[in-house]
Amino acid sequence: MSAPPARTTARATTTPSPGKIITAACVGNALEWYDIAVYSYFATYLSKVFFTHDDPALALFLTLGTFGVSFLIRPVGALVLGSYADRAGRKAALTWSIGLMALGTLLICVMPSYAAIGVVAPVGILLARLIQGFAAGGEFGSATALMVEFMPNRRGFAASWQFTSQAASTLLAALLGTVLTSTLSEDQLTSWGFRIPFLIGLLVAPVGLYIRRNVPEPPAAAPEPEATRAPIRTLLREHKAGVLLTIGLLAVTTCLNYLITYIPTYATKTLGLPDSAGFVAALAGGLVLLAVTSVAGHFSDRVGQIAIMIPAAGAVLLLIYPMFALLVAAPSLALLIGVVMVMALFKGCYYGPMGALMAGIFPAETRATGMAVGYNIGVTVFGGFTPMIAAWLLDTTGQSAAPSYWVAFAAVASLTSLFVLRRRALHPR
C-alpha cells in the first residue's frame, strides 16, 4: 500500500517547470500542424509533381483528396496511441507519435516525382500522409492530458498552448510560403522549392524526441486497474456521450482552421489573386492566432470556457457568409487579409478555452483515449475534408462564397454541443 504514495512523492520532487511541460507537450503537435499547413499551402505544386494528369483540376482534387483520406486513419491512431497513453503513460505514447510523424515527413521529402516513378509517387505520398495521420491521432489527447495533469489549477492556460503551437506552426508555414513564392519562380517551386518547408519540419523531430524522452509522467491519480487494462472498453461503455460532445466542440474551429489553410489555393484559383496573396493573408491570420489563443485560454480560467466559446461560435455563424460575399464582390489583398484575420480572431477565442473544456469531460483513467478519439473523429469529419468540400461546393454551386456554407453548418454543430454541455454541467467550472 505504500508504493503508490512513494511514486507520487518521487514525481513531485522532479516535476519540471511549466515551460518544459508545455514545450514537451506541444512540440509534436506543432510538427503535425506544420506539416498539415505546408501540404495544404503547397497543394498546387504537389499536384503538379506527384499527381500529374492531363486535367490540372483533377490533379488538384486528387491532391486534396489524399490530404483528406489521411484523416480517416486518425481515429485508429487515437484508439491505439490514446489507449496506450492511458495504459503505459503519456510520455511513451508521445515519443512514438513524434517518431512516426517524422517518418511520414521524411517520405514526402525524398519521394521522386510522378514523371520519374509513375503511379508509385502518389501512392507513396498517400502512405506518408497515412503514417502522419496515425501518429497525429494519438498526439492531441496524450499531450493535452500531460499538460492539464501537471498544471490542474491553470488547465485553461495550459491546454491553450496546444492551439497556440498550432498557430505558431501555421505562421511559420505561411512565412515560408510567402518567402518561397516571392523569391522563386514557378518552375523552381515545382522542381525543388516545395520540398524546402518539409525538410525544415523534419529538422524539428530530433529535438522534440529528445525533449519528450526527458520529461517525467504527470502526477495524476492512478487509474483503476480495469480501466488501465481496457481504457477503450471503459470509454465506450461509460463515456459515449462525452465523445459525441467532443466531436461537436471540434466542428467550427477545425473547419475554420482548414479553411484558412485552403486560402492560398482559394485566392489563386477562385479570386484570381497572385500566388503570394494567400500566403500573406495566412501569415496575418497566424499572427492573430498566436496573439489571441493563450490569452483566451488564460481568461477562461477566470470566467469559464463556455462563456467565451459560445459568443465566438455565434459570431462565426452570423458573419462567415457576409465576409465571403464581400471578398468575392471586391477581391483584393487587403480585404483577403482582413477576412482571414477576423476568422482567426474568432477561432482563437474559441480555440484557447477548448482543450480545458474537453479535458474536463473525461476522468483521468480514460482522458487521453477520450480526447484523442473525439478530437480525431471531429478533425476527420470537419477538418481533413474541408479543402475538398470547399472545392466541391465551388464547383457544384458555381458560387464563389460557397465554402462559407460548410463553416456555418459546423458552427451550428459546435453551438449545439456547447449548449448541451452547459445544460448538463459537464464542463469543469
Protein backbone atom coordinates (compact mmCIF):
# COMPACT_ATOMS: atom_id res chain seq x y z
CA MET A 1 0.00 0.00 0.00
CA SER A 2 2.93 2.33 0.48
CA ALA A 3 4.23 2.04 -3.08
CA PRO A 4 1.84 4.45 -4.83
CA PRO A 5 2.46 7.33 -2.39
CA ALA A 6 6.20 6.78 -2.76
CA ARG A 7 5.94 7.05 -6.54
CA THR A 8 3.80 10.16 -6.23
CA THR A 9 6.35 11.79 -3.92
CA ALA A 10 9.20 10.97 -6.27
CA ARG A 11 7.35 12.53 -9.14
CA ALA A 12 6.51 15.62 -7.14
CA THR A 13 10.17 16.25 -6.37
CA THR A 14 11.12 16.04 -10.02
CA THR A 15 8.23 17.99 -11.56
CA PRO A 16 9.64 20.00 -14.48
CA SER A 17 8.96 23.67 -15.00
CA PRO A 18 5.72 24.75 -16.74
CA GLY A 19 7.79 25.87 -19.74
CA LYS A 20 9.35 22.43 -20.16
CA ILE A 21 5.98 20.72 -19.74
CA ILE A 22 4.39 22.93 -22.40
CA THR A 23 7.34 22.52 -24.77
CA ALA A 24 7.38 18.74 -24.45
CA ALA A 25 3.63 18.50 -24.96
CA CYS A 26 3.43 20.92 -27.87
CA VAL A 27 6.48 20.13 -30.00
CA GLY A 28 4.88 17.12 -31.69
CA ASN A 29 1.60 18.93 -32.09
CA ALA A 30 3.47 21.82 -33.69
CA LEU A 31 5.21 19.48 -36.14
CA GLU A 32 1.91 17.82 -37.02
CA TRP A 33 0.14 21.08 -37.81
CA TYR A 34 3.16 22.50 -39.59
CA ASP A 35 3.15 19.53 -41.98
CA ILE A 36 -0.61 19.86 -42.45
CA ALA A 37 -0.31 23.55 -43.29
CA VAL A 38 2.64 23.04 -45.63
CA TYR A 39 0.87 20.27 -47.53
CA SER A 40 -2.28 22.36 -47.92
CA TYR A 41 -0.44 25.59 -48.78
CA PHE A 42 1.66 23.88 -51.45
CA ALA A 43 -1.14 21.68 -52.78
CA THR A 44 -0.93 23.24 -56.24
CA TYR A 45 2.76 22.33 -56.58
CA LEU A 46 2.29 18.88 -55.06
CA SER A 47 -0.42 18.16 -57.62
CA LYS A 48 1.96 19.01 -60.47
CA VAL A 49 4.82 16.88 -59.13
CA PHE A 50 3.12 13.81 -57.65
CA PHE A 51 -0.35 13.76 -59.23
CA THR A 52 0.41 14.72 -62.81
CA HIS A 53 -2.68 14.42 -65.01
CA ASP A 54 -3.98 15.91 -68.22
CA ASP A 55 -6.62 17.77 -66.20
CA PRO A 56 -4.98 20.14 -63.66
CA ALA A 57 -8.27 20.49 -61.76
CA LEU A 58 -8.46 16.72 -61.29
CA ALA A 59 -4.81 16.59 -60.20
CA LEU A 60 -5.51 19.22 -57.55
CA PHE A 61 -8.66 17.36 -56.47
CA LEU A 62 -6.63 14.14 -56.05
CA THR A 63 -4.01 16.01 -54.03
CA LEU A 64 -6.65 17.45 -51.69
CA GLY A 65 -8.37 14.07 -51.61
CA THR A 66 -5.15 12.42 -50.43
CA PHE A 67 -4.95 15.10 -47.76
CA GLY A 68 -8.48 14.20 -46.65
CA VAL A 69 -8.14 10.41 -46.85
CA SER A 70 -5.17 10.51 -44.49
CA PHE A 71 -7.53 11.79 -41.80
CA LEU A 72 -9.59 8.60 -41.95
CA ILE A 73 -6.83 6.75 -40.11
CA ARG A 74 -6.63 9.32 -37.32
CA PRO A 75 -9.39 7.70 -35.22
CA VAL A 76 -7.43 4.42 -35.47
CA GLY A 77 -4.32 6.19 -34.21
CA ALA A 78 -6.42 7.77 -31.49
CA LEU A 79 -7.62 4.38 -30.27
CA VAL A 80 -4.20 2.73 -30.43
CA LEU A 81 -1.97 5.54 -29.13
CA GLY A 82 -4.60 7.08 -26.85
CA SER A 83 -5.27 3.80 -25.05
CA TYR A 84 -1.52 3.18 -24.95
CA ALA A 85 -1.09 6.55 -23.20
CA ASP A 86 -3.72 5.61 -20.60
CA ARG A 87 -2.08 2.22 -20.03
CA ALA A 88 1.67 2.85 -20.41
CA GLY A 89 1.86 6.59 -19.74
CA ARG A 90 1.65 9.90 -21.61
CA LYS A 91 5.40 10.08 -22.23
CA ALA A 92 5.63 6.71 -24.01
CA ALA A 93 2.77 7.50 -26.38
CA LEU A 94 4.12 10.97 -27.18
CA THR A 95 7.55 9.54 -28.02
CA TRP A 96 6.02 7.13 -30.52
CA SER A 97 3.82 9.77 -32.12
CA ILE A 98 6.61 12.24 -32.90
CA GLY A 99 8.81 9.46 -34.30
CA LEU A 100 6.08 8.32 -36.69
CA MET A 101 5.34 11.89 -37.75
CA ALA A 102 9.00 12.38 -38.65
CA LEU A 103 8.95 9.19 -40.74
CA GLY A 104 5.99 10.46 -42.77
CA THR A 105 7.66 13.82 -43.34
CA LEU A 106 10.86 12.10 -44.47
CA LEU A 107 8.93 10.13 -47.09
CA ILE A 108 7.50 13.34 -48.57
CA CYS A 109 10.96 14.92 -48.61
CA VAL A 110 12.56 12.12 -50.61
CA MET A 111 9.66 10.92 -52.79
CA PRO A 112 10.53 11.05 -56.53
CA SER A 113 8.11 12.73 -58.93
CA TYR A 114 5.34 11.13 -60.97
CA ALA A 115 7.46 11.69 -64.08
CA ALA A 116 10.24 9.59 -62.53
CA ILE A 117 8.38 6.64 -60.96
CA GLY A 118 4.81 6.91 -62.22
CA VAL A 119 1.89 5.85 -60.04
CA VAL A 120 4.25 4.87 -57.20
CA ALA A 121 4.65 8.60 -56.43
CA PRO A 122 1.03 9.36 -55.44
CA VAL A 123 0.83 6.02 -53.61
CA GLY A 124 3.98 6.95 -51.68
CA ILE A 125 2.56 10.36 -50.76
CA LEU A 126 -0.64 8.69 -49.57
CA LEU A 127 1.40 6.28 -47.43
CA ALA A 128 3.34 9.18 -45.92
CA ARG A 129 0.12 11.02 -45.07
CA LEU A 130 -1.39 7.85 -43.57
CA ILE A 131 1.62 7.40 -41.28
CA GLN A 132 1.37 11.03 -40.22
CA GLY A 133 -2.38 10.71 -39.71
CA PHE A 134 -1.97 7.65 -37.49
CA ALA A 135 0.67 9.41 -35.40
CA ALA A 136 -1.39 12.59 -35.13
CA GLY A 137 -4.35 10.53 -33.93
CA GLY A 138 -2.76 9.92 -30.54
CA GLU A 139 -0.97 13.25 -30.24
CA PHE A 140 -3.67 15.63 -29.05
CA GLY A 141 -5.19 13.53 -26.27
CA SER A 142 -1.86 12.46 -24.76
CA ALA A 143 -0.25 15.91 -24.97
CA THR A 144 -3.26 17.77 -23.56
CA ALA A 145 -3.63 15.24 -20.75
CA LEU A 146 0.05 15.73 -19.90
CA MET A 147 -0.36 19.49 -19.54
CA VAL A 148 -3.63 19.63 -17.60
CA GLU A 149 -2.44 16.91 -15.21
CA PHE A 150 0.80 18.76 -14.49
CA MET A 151 -0.99 22.15 -14.20
CA PRO A 152 -4.51 21.39 -12.88
CA ASN A 153 -5.04 24.89 -11.47
CA ARG A 154 -4.25 26.54 -14.82
CA ARG A 155 -5.78 23.99 -17.13
CA GLY A 156 -7.31 26.58 -19.47
CA PHE A 157 -3.97 28.33 -19.95
CA ALA A 158 -2.02 25.07 -20.16
CA ALA A 159 -4.30 23.38 -22.71
CA SER A 160 -4.48 26.52 -24.83
CA TRP A 161 -0.82 26.08 -25.74
CA GLN A 162 -1.81 23.09 -27.85
CA PHE A 163 -3.59 25.53 -30.10
CA THR A 164 -1.04 28.31 -29.75
CA SER A 165 1.57 25.87 -31.04
CA GLN A 166 -0.72 25.14 -33.98
CA ALA A 167 -0.93 28.86 -34.68
CA ALA A 168 2.86 29.18 -34.49
CA SER A 169 3.26 26.27 -36.90
CA THR A 170 0.75 27.71 -39.34
CA LEU A 171 2.50 31.06 -39.05
CA LEU A 172 5.88 29.52 -39.85
CA ALA A 173 4.43 27.60 -42.80
CA ALA A 174 2.78 30.76 -44.14
CA LEU A 175 6.01 32.73 -43.69
CA LEU A 176 7.98 30.13 -45.63
CA GLY A 177 5.29 30.07 -48.30
CA THR A 178 5.42 33.86 -48.62
CA VAL A 179 9.22 33.87 -48.91
CA LEU A 180 9.39 30.99 -51.37
CA THR A 181 6.60 32.18 -53.67
CA SER A 182 8.08 35.68 -53.66
CA THR A 183 11.68 34.68 -54.41
CA LEU A 184 11.44 31.53 -56.55
CA SER A 185 9.92 31.10 -59.97
CA GLU A 186 7.05 28.70 -60.53
CA ASP A 187 9.41 26.25 -62.26
CA GLN A 188 11.82 26.37 -59.31
CA LEU A 189 8.99 25.82 -56.82
CA THR A 190 7.67 22.88 -58.80
CA SER A 191 11.04 21.21 -59.33
CA TRP A 192 12.56 21.53 -55.84
CA GLY A 193 11.39 24.59 -53.89
CA PHE A 194 8.25 22.99 -52.46
CA ARG A 195 10.40 20.42 -50.61
CA ILE A 196 12.19 23.07 -48.52
CA PRO A 197 9.40 23.52 -45.93
CA PHE A 198 9.13 19.75 -45.42
CA LEU A 199 12.90 19.49 -44.87
CA ILE A 200 12.73 22.29 -42.29
CA GLY A 201 9.93 20.46 -40.47
CA LEU A 202 11.98 17.28 -40.44
CA LEU A 203 14.77 19.06 -38.52
CA VAL A 204 12.39 19.68 -35.59
CA ALA A 205 11.74 15.99 -34.94
CA PRO A 206 15.05 15.00 -33.25
CA VAL A 207 14.81 17.98 -30.88
CA GLY A 208 11.23 17.10 -29.98
CA LEU A 209 12.10 13.46 -29.44
CA TYR A 210 14.93 14.40 -27.05
CA ILE A 211 12.71 16.77 -25.04
CA ARG A 212 9.92 14.24 -24.68
CA ARG A 213 12.20 11.45 -23.55
CA ASN A 214 13.39 13.64 -20.67
CA VAL A 215 10.00 14.65 -19.22
CA PRO A 216 8.52 12.52 -16.39
CA GLU A 217 4.97 11.23 -16.23
CA PRO A 218 2.41 13.68 -14.78
CA PRO A 219 1.44 13.23 -11.10
CA ALA A 220 -2.15 12.24 -11.93
CA ALA A 221 -4.17 9.93 -9.71
CA ALA A 222 -3.56 6.29 -10.59
CA PRO A 223 -6.42 4.86 -12.67
CA GLU A 224 -8.44 1.84 -11.64
CA PRO A 225 -6.83 -1.46 -12.72
CA GLU A 226 -9.73 -2.39 -15.05
CA ALA A 227 -9.61 0.99 -16.76
CA THR A 228 -5.86 0.70 -17.10
CA ARG A 229 -6.20 -2.65 -18.87
CA ALA A 230 -9.11 -1.62 -21.08
CA PRO A 231 -9.47 2.17 -21.48
CA ILE A 232 -11.25 1.75 -24.84
CA ARG A 233 -13.88 -0.56 -23.35
CA THR A 234 -14.38 1.77 -20.41
CA LEU A 235 -14.70 4.76 -22.72
CA LEU A 236 -17.29 3.12 -24.97
CA ARG A 237 -19.26 1.78 -22.02
CA GLU A 238 -19.35 4.90 -19.85
CA HIS A 239 -18.40 7.98 -21.91
CA LYS A 240 -20.03 7.72 -25.34
CA ALA A 241 -21.89 11.00 -24.81
CA GLY A 242 -18.61 12.71 -23.94
CA VAL A 243 -17.05 11.53 -27.20
CA LEU A 244 -20.03 12.84 -29.21
CA LEU A 245 -19.90 16.21 -27.46
CA THR A 246 -16.15 16.43 -28.10
CA ILE A 247 -16.74 15.83 -31.82
CA GLY A 248 -19.28 18.65 -31.84
CA LEU A 249 -16.94 21.01 -30.00
CA LEU A 250 -14.26 20.47 -32.64
CA ALA A 251 -16.54 21.25 -35.59
CA VAL A 252 -16.35 25.01 -36.05
CA THR A 253 -12.76 25.63 -35.03
CA THR A 254 -11.43 22.70 -37.06
CA CYS A 255 -13.45 23.74 -40.10
CA LEU A 256 -12.13 27.30 -39.79
CA ASN A 257 -8.57 26.10 -39.44
CA TYR A 258 -8.62 24.03 -42.59
CA LEU A 259 -10.48 26.71 -44.48
CA ILE A 260 -7.65 29.11 -43.60
CA THR A 261 -5.09 26.59 -44.87
CA TYR A 262 -7.13 26.40 -48.09
CA ILE A 263 -6.96 30.19 -48.53
CA PRO A 264 -3.78 30.21 -50.72
CA THR A 265 -5.46 27.84 -53.18
CA TYR A 266 -8.77 29.75 -52.98
CA ALA A 267 -7.05 33.09 -53.51
CA THR A 268 -5.34 32.00 -56.72
CA LYS A 269 -7.91 29.63 -58.24
CA THR A 270 -11.16 31.46 -57.32
CA LEU A 271 -10.29 35.08 -56.61
CA GLY A 272 -7.56 35.38 -59.24
CA LEU A 273 -5.05 36.95 -56.85
CA PRO A 274 -1.26 36.44 -57.09
CA ASP A 275 0.29 33.28 -55.60
CA SER A 276 1.80 35.18 -52.69
CA ALA A 277 -1.51 36.84 -51.68
CA GLY A 278 -2.93 33.77 -49.96
CA PHE A 279 0.28 33.19 -48.04
CA VAL A 280 0.40 36.79 -46.84
CA ALA A 281 -3.21 36.51 -45.63
CA ALA A 282 -2.48 33.20 -43.88
CA LEU A 283 0.56 34.81 -42.28
CA ALA A 284 -1.61 37.63 -40.90
CA GLY A 285 -4.11 35.09 -39.60
CA GLY A 286 -1.34 33.14 -37.91
CA LEU A 287 -0.18 36.27 -36.09
CA VAL A 288 -3.70 36.85 -34.75
CA LEU A 289 -3.99 33.24 -33.57
CA LEU A 290 -0.61 33.41 -31.92
CA ALA A 291 -1.59 36.56 -30.03
CA VAL A 292 -5.14 35.59 -29.03
CA THR A 293 -5.25 31.86 -28.28
CA SER A 294 -3.35 31.66 -24.98
CA VAL A 295 -4.89 34.92 -23.77
CA ALA A 296 -8.33 33.41 -24.29
CA GLY A 297 -7.23 30.23 -22.50
CA HIS A 298 -5.89 32.23 -19.55
CA PHE A 299 -9.06 34.30 -19.33
CA SER A 300 -11.19 31.14 -19.40
CA ASP A 301 -9.62 30.03 -16.11
CA ARG A 302 -11.39 33.01 -14.56
CA VAL A 303 -14.76 33.18 -16.31
CA GLY A 304 -15.23 29.65 -17.62
CA GLN A 305 -14.60 28.10 -21.01
CA ILE A 306 -18.17 28.07 -22.32
CA ALA A 307 -18.71 31.76 -21.52
CA ILE A 308 -16.06 32.60 -24.14
CA MET A 309 -16.71 29.86 -26.67
CA ILE A 310 -20.45 30.42 -27.27
CA PRO A 311 -20.08 34.08 -28.40
CA ALA A 312 -17.13 33.13 -30.65
CA ALA A 313 -19.05 30.33 -32.37
CA GLY A 314 -22.14 32.55 -32.69
CA ALA A 315 -20.08 35.26 -34.37
CA VAL A 316 -18.77 32.75 -36.90
CA LEU A 317 -22.30 31.57 -37.71
CA LEU A 318 -23.56 35.11 -38.28
CA LEU A 319 -20.60 36.62 -40.13
CA ILE A 320 -18.94 33.90 -42.21
CA TYR A 321 -21.18 34.27 -45.28
CA PRO A 322 -21.15 38.10 -45.33
CA MET A 323 -17.35 38.05 -45.11
CA PHE A 324 -17.01 35.68 -48.06
CA ALA A 325 -19.63 37.55 -50.07
CA LEU A 326 -17.74 40.80 -49.54
CA LEU A 327 -14.47 39.14 -50.51
CA VAL A 328 -15.96 37.76 -53.71
CA ALA A 329 -17.55 41.10 -54.61
CA ALA A 330 -14.30 43.04 -54.26
CA PRO A 331 -11.30 40.67 -54.21
CA SER A 332 -8.11 42.34 -53.08
CA LEU A 333 -5.11 41.52 -50.94
CA ALA A 334 -6.15 43.97 -48.23
CA LEU A 335 -9.66 42.57 -47.96
CA LEU A 336 -8.39 38.98 -48.02
CA ILE A 337 -6.04 39.78 -45.14
CA GLY A 338 -8.89 41.41 -43.22
CA VAL A 339 -11.25 38.46 -43.66
CA VAL A 340 -8.63 35.91 -42.63
CA MET A 341 -7.66 37.98 -39.57
CA VAL A 342 -11.30 38.17 -38.43
CA MET A 343 -11.71 34.41 -38.91
CA ALA A 344 -8.51 33.88 -36.92
CA LEU A 345 -9.78 36.15 -34.12
CA PHE A 346 -12.98 34.14 -33.71
CA LYS A 347 -11.04 30.91 -33.97
CA GLY A 348 -8.51 31.97 -31.32
CA CYS A 349 -11.22 32.98 -28.85
CA TYR A 350 -12.94 29.64 -29.36
CA TYR A 351 -9.78 27.56 -29.58
CA GLY A 352 -7.99 28.80 -26.47
CA PRO A 353 -10.50 27.51 -23.86
CA MET A 354 -11.46 24.35 -25.77
CA GLY A 355 -8.70 21.98 -24.60
CA ALA A 356 -9.52 22.50 -20.92
CA LEU A 357 -13.23 22.03 -21.60
CA MET A 358 -12.56 18.76 -23.39
CA ALA A 359 -10.20 17.51 -20.67
CA GLY A 360 -12.90 18.11 -18.04
CA ILE A 361 -15.36 15.85 -19.85
CA PHE A 362 -13.34 12.68 -19.18
CA PRO A 363 -11.82 11.19 -15.99
CA ALA A 364 -8.05 10.68 -15.76
CA GLU A 365 -8.17 6.94 -16.50
CA THR A 366 -9.73 7.47 -19.96
CA ARG A 367 -8.78 11.10 -20.60
CA ALA A 368 -6.14 10.54 -23.27
CA THR A 369 -8.28 7.96 -25.09
CA GLY A 370 -11.49 10.00 -24.85
CA MET A 371 -9.97 13.25 -26.05
CA ALA A 372 -7.98 11.50 -28.78
CA VAL A 373 -10.99 9.62 -30.17
CA GLY A 374 -13.40 12.56 -30.04
CA TYR A 375 -10.82 15.01 -31.33
CA ASN A 376 -9.73 12.90 -34.27
CA ILE A 377 -13.21 11.91 -35.40
CA GLY A 378 -14.12 15.60 -35.27
CA VAL A 379 -11.00 16.60 -37.16
CA THR A 380 -11.64 13.89 -39.75
CA VAL A 381 -15.25 14.95 -40.39
CA PHE A 382 -14.86 18.71 -40.15
CA GLY A 383 -11.18 19.17 -40.94
CA GLY A 384 -9.44 16.81 -43.29
CA PHE A 385 -12.06 17.02 -46.00
CA THR A 386 -12.76 20.75 -45.65
CA PRO A 387 -10.46 21.81 -48.53
CA MET A 388 -12.01 19.16 -50.77
CA ILE A 389 -15.56 20.05 -49.67
CA ALA A 390 -14.80 23.72 -50.32
CA ALA A 391 -13.60 22.87 -53.82
CA TRP A 392 -16.68 20.66 -54.39
CA LEU A 393 -19.06 23.39 -53.21
CA LEU A 394 -17.40 25.90 -55.51
CA ASP A 395 -17.74 23.56 -58.48
CA THR A 396 -21.28 22.35 -57.69
CA THR A 397 -22.94 25.65 -56.81
CA GLY A 398 -20.92 27.96 -59.03
CA GLN A 399 -20.94 30.44 -56.13
CA SER A 400 -17.59 31.82 -55.06
CA ALA A 401 -18.82 32.26 -51.47
CA ALA A 402 -19.96 28.62 -51.20
CA PRO A 403 -17.19 27.47 -48.77
CA SER A 404 -18.90 29.57 -46.09
CA TYR A 405 -21.89 27.19 -46.08
CA TRP A 406 -19.79 24.37 -44.65
CA VAL A 407 -18.38 26.64 -41.93
CA ALA A 408 -21.88 27.79 -40.96
CA PHE A 409 -23.02 24.18 -40.63
CA ALA A 410 -20.00 23.42 -38.40
CA ALA A 411 -20.83 26.44 -36.22
CA VAL A 412 -24.34 25.06 -35.62
CA ALA A 413 -22.86 21.68 -34.59
CA SER A 414 -20.47 23.35 -32.11
CA LEU A 415 -23.12 25.59 -30.61
CA THR A 416 -25.33 22.55 -30.07
CA SER A 417 -22.57 20.77 -28.13
CA LEU A 418 -21.81 23.87 -26.08
CA PHE A 419 -25.43 24.36 -25.03
CA VAL A 420 -25.75 20.67 -24.13
CA LEU A 421 -22.58 20.85 -22.03
CA ARG A 422 -23.80 23.95 -20.24
CA ARG A 423 -27.17 22.39 -19.51
CA ARG A 424 -25.73 19.10 -18.29
CA ALA A 425 -22.98 20.82 -16.28
CA LEU A 426 -20.27 18.56 -17.72
CA HIS A 427 -17.73 21.35 -18.03
CA PRO A 428 -15.12 21.73 -15.27
CA ARG A 429 -16.22 25.10 -13.92
